[in-house]
N, C-alpha and C. Protein backbone atom coordinates (compact mmCIF):
# COMPACT_ATOMS: atom_id res chain seq x y z
N MET A 1 -1.55 6.71 6.08
CA MET A 1 -1.59 5.25 6.31
C MET A 1 -1.36 5.01 7.80
N PHE A 2 -2.02 4.05 8.28
CA PHE A 2 -1.85 3.68 9.68
C PHE A 2 -1.47 2.23 9.75
N TRP A 3 -0.75 1.79 10.80
CA TRP A 3 -0.28 0.40 10.87
C TRP A 3 -0.97 -0.28 11.96
N LYS A 4 -1.46 -1.42 11.72
CA LYS A 4 -2.27 -2.27 12.65
C LYS A 4 -1.52 -3.58 12.92
N LYS A 5 -1.24 -3.86 14.12
CA LYS A 5 -0.58 -5.09 14.60
C LYS A 5 -1.54 -6.23 14.42
N ILE A 6 -1.01 -7.30 13.77
CA ILE A 6 -1.87 -8.47 13.52
C ILE A 6 -1.40 -9.74 14.17
N ALA A 7 -0.06 -9.82 14.61
CA ALA A 7 0.41 -10.99 15.25
C ALA A 7 1.71 -10.53 15.93
N GLU A 8 2.06 -11.40 16.98
CA GLU A 8 3.37 -11.19 17.59
C GLU A 8 4.53 -11.68 16.77
N SER A 9 4.25 -12.74 16.04
CA SER A 9 5.37 -13.45 15.20
C SER A 9 4.72 -14.29 14.14
N ARG A 10 5.61 -14.82 13.27
CA ARG A 10 5.24 -15.62 12.14
C ARG A 10 4.59 -16.92 12.66
N THR A 11 5.12 -17.47 13.70
CA THR A 11 4.49 -18.75 14.22
C THR A 11 3.12 -18.60 14.65
N GLU A 12 2.86 -17.46 15.33
CA GLU A 12 1.44 -17.12 15.74
C GLU A 12 0.53 -16.95 14.57
N LEU A 13 1.11 -16.35 13.58
CA LEU A 13 0.24 -16.16 12.25
C LEU A 13 -0.02 -17.36 11.42
N PHE A 14 0.96 -18.08 11.17
CA PHE A 14 0.74 -19.33 10.20
C PHE A 14 0.72 -20.61 10.93
N GLN A 15 -0.44 -21.17 11.00
CA GLN A 15 -0.64 -22.45 11.61
C GLN A 15 -0.71 -23.57 10.63
N GLY A 16 -1.12 -23.36 9.38
CA GLY A 16 -1.17 -24.38 8.39
C GLY A 16 0.03 -24.59 7.57
N GLU A 17 0.04 -25.54 6.69
CA GLU A 17 1.10 -25.89 5.79
C GLU A 17 1.16 -24.90 4.62
N ASN A 18 0.22 -24.26 4.28
CA ASN A 18 0.16 -23.45 3.01
C ASN A 18 0.66 -21.98 3.18
N ASN A 19 1.17 -21.61 4.36
CA ASN A 19 1.74 -20.41 4.63
C ASN A 19 0.80 -19.17 4.23
N LEU A 20 -0.50 -19.35 4.53
CA LEU A 20 -1.49 -18.35 4.32
C LEU A 20 -2.41 -18.23 5.65
N ALA A 21 -2.80 -17.03 5.95
CA ALA A 21 -3.68 -16.85 7.10
C ALA A 21 -4.59 -15.77 6.80
N GLU A 22 -5.81 -15.81 7.45
CA GLU A 22 -6.68 -14.76 7.32
C GLU A 22 -6.88 -14.02 8.64
N VAL A 23 -6.73 -12.64 8.60
CA VAL A 23 -6.85 -11.95 9.75
C VAL A 23 -7.81 -10.75 9.57
N GLU A 24 -8.33 -10.25 10.70
CA GLU A 24 -9.07 -9.00 10.60
C GLU A 24 -8.35 -7.81 10.90
N VAL A 25 -8.44 -6.76 10.05
CA VAL A 25 -7.71 -5.57 10.27
C VAL A 25 -8.56 -4.38 9.94
N ASP A 26 -8.93 -3.69 11.05
CA ASP A 26 -9.79 -2.36 11.03
C ASP A 26 -11.13 -2.78 10.23
N GLY A 27 -11.81 -3.93 10.59
CA GLY A 27 -12.99 -4.37 10.13
C GLY A 27 -12.98 -5.03 8.77
N LYS A 28 -11.83 -5.18 8.21
CA LYS A 28 -11.67 -5.86 6.94
C LYS A 28 -10.92 -7.15 7.08
N LEU A 29 -11.33 -8.17 6.29
CA LEU A 29 -10.60 -9.46 6.30
C LEU A 29 -9.46 -9.27 5.22
N VAL A 30 -8.29 -9.66 5.72
CA VAL A 30 -7.07 -9.59 4.91
C VAL A 30 -6.40 -10.96 4.92
N CYS A 31 -5.81 -11.38 3.82
CA CYS A 31 -5.12 -12.63 3.69
C CYS A 31 -3.61 -12.36 3.72
N VAL A 32 -2.86 -12.98 4.65
CA VAL A 32 -1.42 -12.73 4.78
C VAL A 32 -0.78 -13.97 4.41
N GLY A 33 0.29 -13.90 3.50
CA GLY A 33 1.01 -15.01 3.00
C GLY A 33 2.42 -14.81 3.17
N MET A 34 3.17 -15.95 3.07
CA MET A 34 4.73 -15.81 3.15
C MET A 34 5.15 -16.68 1.98
N HIS A 35 6.14 -16.00 1.20
CA HIS A 35 6.81 -16.75 0.16
C HIS A 35 8.27 -16.44 0.18
N GLU A 36 9.16 -17.40 0.20
CA GLU A 36 10.70 -17.13 0.30
C GLU A 36 10.88 -16.20 1.43
N GLU A 37 10.34 -16.45 2.59
CA GLU A 37 10.54 -15.67 3.87
C GLU A 37 10.11 -14.33 3.77
N LYS A 38 9.37 -13.88 2.75
CA LYS A 38 8.80 -12.47 2.68
C LYS A 38 7.36 -12.56 2.91
N LEU A 39 6.81 -11.58 3.79
CA LEU A 39 5.48 -11.50 4.17
C LEU A 39 4.71 -10.59 3.07
N LYS A 40 3.60 -10.98 2.69
CA LYS A 40 2.76 -10.24 1.68
C LYS A 40 1.34 -10.27 2.21
N ALA A 41 0.44 -9.30 1.79
CA ALA A 41 -0.94 -9.34 2.17
C ALA A 41 -1.83 -8.81 1.09
N CYS A 42 -3.05 -9.35 1.06
CA CYS A 42 -4.03 -9.03 0.01
C CYS A 42 -5.38 -9.17 0.55
N SER A 43 -6.34 -8.87 -0.40
CA SER A 43 -7.77 -8.98 -0.06
C SER A 43 -8.07 -10.51 0.43
N ALA A 44 -8.94 -10.75 1.32
CA ALA A 44 -9.26 -12.06 1.74
C ALA A 44 -10.10 -12.85 0.76
N LYS A 45 -10.77 -12.16 -0.15
CA LYS A 45 -11.65 -12.85 -1.14
C LYS A 45 -11.28 -12.54 -2.48
N CYS A 46 -11.36 -13.51 -3.40
CA CYS A 46 -10.98 -13.41 -4.83
C CYS A 46 -11.99 -12.51 -5.43
N PRO A 47 -11.61 -11.49 -6.23
CA PRO A 47 -12.56 -10.56 -6.91
C PRO A 47 -13.36 -11.32 -7.98
N HIS A 48 -13.10 -12.53 -8.34
CA HIS A 48 -13.82 -13.22 -9.41
C HIS A 48 -15.16 -13.80 -8.78
N ALA A 49 -14.95 -14.74 -7.84
CA ALA A 49 -16.17 -15.43 -7.24
C ALA A 49 -16.13 -15.46 -5.75
N GLY A 50 -15.33 -14.73 -5.15
CA GLY A 50 -15.36 -14.59 -3.65
C GLY A 50 -14.70 -15.79 -2.94
N GLY A 51 -13.85 -16.53 -3.67
CA GLY A 51 -13.14 -17.56 -2.99
C GLY A 51 -12.25 -16.99 -1.82
N LYS A 52 -12.12 -17.86 -0.82
CA LYS A 52 -11.31 -17.51 0.40
C LYS A 52 -9.80 -17.78 0.04
N MET A 53 -8.98 -16.61 -0.15
CA MET A 53 -7.71 -16.76 -0.62
C MET A 53 -6.81 -17.55 0.33
N ALA A 54 -7.14 -17.46 1.65
CA ALA A 54 -6.41 -18.20 2.63
C ALA A 54 -6.44 -19.62 2.55
N SER A 55 -7.54 -20.20 1.76
CA SER A 55 -7.72 -21.57 1.57
C SER A 55 -6.96 -22.04 0.26
N GLY A 56 -6.43 -21.09 -0.45
CA GLY A 56 -5.66 -21.36 -1.67
C GLY A 56 -4.22 -21.81 -1.30
N TYR A 57 -3.35 -21.53 -2.14
CA TYR A 57 -1.92 -21.59 -2.02
C TYR A 57 -1.11 -20.59 -2.72
N ILE A 58 0.19 -20.55 -2.39
CA ILE A 58 1.20 -19.67 -3.16
C ILE A 58 1.99 -20.62 -4.03
N ASP A 59 2.00 -20.28 -5.30
CA ASP A 59 2.74 -21.13 -6.29
C ASP A 59 4.24 -20.87 -6.15
N ALA A 60 4.95 -21.57 -6.91
CA ALA A 60 6.47 -21.48 -6.93
C ALA A 60 7.00 -20.07 -7.32
N LEU A 61 6.21 -19.30 -8.14
CA LEU A 61 6.60 -18.04 -8.49
C LEU A 61 6.13 -16.96 -7.56
N GLY A 62 5.53 -17.34 -6.53
CA GLY A 62 5.11 -16.32 -5.47
C GLY A 62 3.67 -15.76 -5.71
N ASN A 63 2.90 -16.29 -6.67
CA ASN A 63 1.59 -15.82 -6.88
C ASN A 63 0.59 -16.59 -5.97
N ILE A 64 -0.46 -15.86 -5.43
CA ILE A 64 -1.46 -16.50 -4.70
C ILE A 64 -2.50 -17.11 -5.65
N VAL A 65 -2.97 -18.26 -5.43
CA VAL A 65 -3.86 -18.98 -6.20
C VAL A 65 -5.20 -19.20 -5.51
N CYS A 66 -6.25 -18.73 -6.09
CA CYS A 66 -7.63 -18.93 -5.54
C CYS A 66 -8.07 -20.41 -5.53
N PRO A 67 -8.65 -20.85 -4.40
CA PRO A 67 -8.96 -22.27 -4.41
C PRO A 67 -10.12 -22.67 -5.22
N LEU A 68 -11.01 -21.65 -5.60
CA LEU A 68 -12.19 -22.02 -6.41
C LEU A 68 -12.01 -22.38 -7.86
N HIS A 69 -11.40 -21.43 -8.59
CA HIS A 69 -11.27 -21.57 -10.04
C HIS A 69 -9.70 -21.49 -10.44
N ARG A 70 -8.82 -21.41 -9.47
CA ARG A 70 -7.37 -21.38 -9.71
C ARG A 70 -6.83 -20.08 -10.45
N TYR A 71 -7.61 -19.01 -10.29
CA TYR A 71 -7.12 -17.70 -10.73
C TYR A 71 -5.89 -17.31 -9.97
N LYS A 72 -4.83 -16.86 -10.67
CA LYS A 72 -3.55 -16.53 -10.03
C LYS A 72 -3.40 -15.03 -9.99
N PHE A 73 -2.86 -14.52 -8.82
CA PHE A 73 -2.62 -13.15 -8.64
C PHE A 73 -1.23 -12.85 -8.19
N SER A 74 -0.57 -11.79 -8.67
CA SER A 74 0.69 -11.33 -8.15
C SER A 74 0.58 -10.78 -6.80
N LEU A 75 1.34 -11.22 -5.81
CA LEU A 75 1.29 -10.59 -4.48
C LEU A 75 2.17 -9.32 -4.47
N GLU A 76 2.75 -9.01 -5.53
CA GLU A 76 3.48 -7.65 -5.65
C GLU A 76 2.69 -6.54 -6.03
N ASN A 77 1.69 -6.74 -7.04
CA ASN A 77 0.96 -5.67 -7.44
C ASN A 77 -0.57 -6.02 -7.56
N GLY A 78 -0.97 -7.24 -7.30
CA GLY A 78 -2.49 -7.62 -7.29
C GLY A 78 -2.99 -7.96 -8.65
N ARG A 79 -2.09 -7.93 -9.65
CA ARG A 79 -2.66 -8.26 -11.00
C ARG A 79 -2.92 -9.67 -11.18
N ASN A 80 -4.04 -10.01 -11.90
CA ASN A 80 -4.39 -11.41 -12.21
C ASN A 80 -3.52 -11.80 -13.36
N ILE A 81 -2.63 -12.78 -13.12
CA ILE A 81 -1.70 -13.23 -14.13
C ILE A 81 -2.16 -14.27 -15.10
N THR A 82 -3.36 -14.72 -14.84
CA THR A 82 -3.97 -15.78 -15.86
C THR A 82 -4.75 -15.10 -16.86
N GLY A 83 -4.89 -13.83 -16.93
CA GLY A 83 -5.41 -13.12 -18.07
C GLY A 83 -6.92 -12.74 -17.97
N GLU A 84 -7.57 -12.93 -16.89
CA GLU A 84 -9.02 -12.69 -16.78
C GLU A 84 -9.25 -11.26 -16.51
N GLY A 85 -8.31 -10.36 -16.09
CA GLY A 85 -8.48 -8.98 -15.88
C GLY A 85 -8.86 -8.52 -14.58
N TYR A 86 -8.83 -9.36 -13.54
CA TYR A 86 -9.22 -9.08 -12.12
C TYR A 86 -8.06 -8.52 -11.45
N PHE A 87 -8.23 -7.77 -10.40
CA PHE A 87 -7.22 -7.20 -9.56
C PHE A 87 -7.56 -7.52 -8.02
N LEU A 88 -6.48 -7.89 -7.31
CA LEU A 88 -6.65 -8.12 -5.87
C LEU A 88 -6.02 -7.06 -5.18
N LYS A 89 -6.67 -6.47 -4.14
CA LYS A 89 -6.13 -5.47 -3.31
C LYS A 89 -4.90 -5.93 -2.59
N ILE A 90 -3.73 -5.19 -2.64
CA ILE A 90 -2.59 -5.51 -1.89
C ILE A 90 -2.31 -4.63 -0.83
N TYR A 91 -1.91 -5.05 0.41
CA TYR A 91 -1.62 -4.25 1.57
C TYR A 91 -0.10 -4.46 1.85
N LYS A 92 0.43 -3.29 2.49
CA LYS A 92 1.80 -3.35 2.94
C LYS A 92 1.91 -4.17 4.24
N VAL A 93 3.02 -4.80 4.33
CA VAL A 93 3.28 -5.60 5.59
C VAL A 93 4.67 -5.15 6.13
N GLU A 94 4.77 -5.01 7.43
CA GLU A 94 6.07 -4.81 8.06
C GLU A 94 6.21 -5.73 9.16
N GLU A 95 7.36 -6.33 9.17
CA GLU A 95 7.72 -7.23 10.44
C GLU A 95 8.76 -6.43 11.24
N ARG A 96 8.30 -6.21 12.47
CA ARG A 96 9.02 -5.35 13.38
C ARG A 96 9.52 -6.18 14.57
N GLU A 97 10.38 -5.70 15.51
CA GLU A 97 10.72 -6.36 16.67
C GLU A 97 9.55 -6.65 17.51
N ASP A 98 8.51 -5.73 17.54
CA ASP A 98 7.41 -5.88 18.41
C ASP A 98 6.15 -6.59 17.76
N GLY A 99 6.44 -7.10 16.51
CA GLY A 99 5.22 -7.85 15.86
C GLY A 99 5.14 -7.70 14.35
N ILE A 100 4.04 -8.22 13.88
CA ILE A 100 3.78 -7.99 12.36
C ILE A 100 2.68 -7.05 12.16
N PHE A 101 2.84 -6.04 11.29
CA PHE A 101 1.84 -4.99 11.15
C PHE A 101 1.41 -4.89 9.70
N ILE A 102 0.19 -4.60 9.47
CA ILE A 102 -0.40 -4.26 8.06
C ILE A 102 -0.76 -2.82 7.98
N GLY A 103 -0.32 -2.26 6.82
CA GLY A 103 -0.59 -0.87 6.52
C GLY A 103 -2.01 -0.72 5.93
N ILE A 104 -2.85 0.18 6.58
CA ILE A 104 -4.24 0.41 6.06
C ILE A 104 -4.28 1.95 5.63
N GLU A 105 -4.82 2.03 4.47
CA GLU A 105 -5.02 3.49 4.06
C GLU A 105 -6.13 4.14 4.71
N GLU A 106 -5.85 5.33 5.15
CA GLU A 106 -6.88 6.03 5.87
C GLU A 106 -8.00 6.49 5.02
N LYS A 107 -9.18 6.38 5.56
CA LYS A 107 -10.45 6.73 4.79
C LYS A 107 -10.45 8.28 4.73
N LYS A 108 -10.64 8.79 3.41
CA LYS A 108 -10.69 10.16 3.18
C LYS A 108 -12.14 10.65 3.33
N GLY A 109 -12.42 11.85 3.76
CA GLY A 109 -13.71 12.35 3.81
C GLY A 109 -14.16 12.93 2.45
N LEU A 110 -15.30 13.49 2.40
CA LEU A 110 -15.91 13.97 1.11
C LEU A 110 -15.02 15.09 0.45
N PHE A 111 -14.38 15.84 1.28
CA PHE A 111 -13.51 16.89 0.63
C PHE A 111 -12.12 16.75 0.91
N GLY A 112 -11.57 15.49 1.25
CA GLY A 112 -10.20 15.39 1.55
C GLY A 112 -9.60 14.18 1.03
């Protein structure tokens, strides 16, 4: 896994009221959210119909809610908690003295 810096601070990252932001990391769009002062990250698009997760919201339980059809996903494990069976890719986030970083899995070759 390698770590990619996405922002200097939370204030740089979150501009809106919903505590969600979309960033590009290693050619991928990632949605970063904050709930109860903890940073989480997931795929930028809902696996159901491609809704932009950063345009949704985080509910009181810390689940991210897609703006299109209100599907809810755990930001801990990516499971769809409303029963439709979809999964959202989850990324690790670290907040360090020198900024906020997202962990990206290294691509493996054909034999590795």
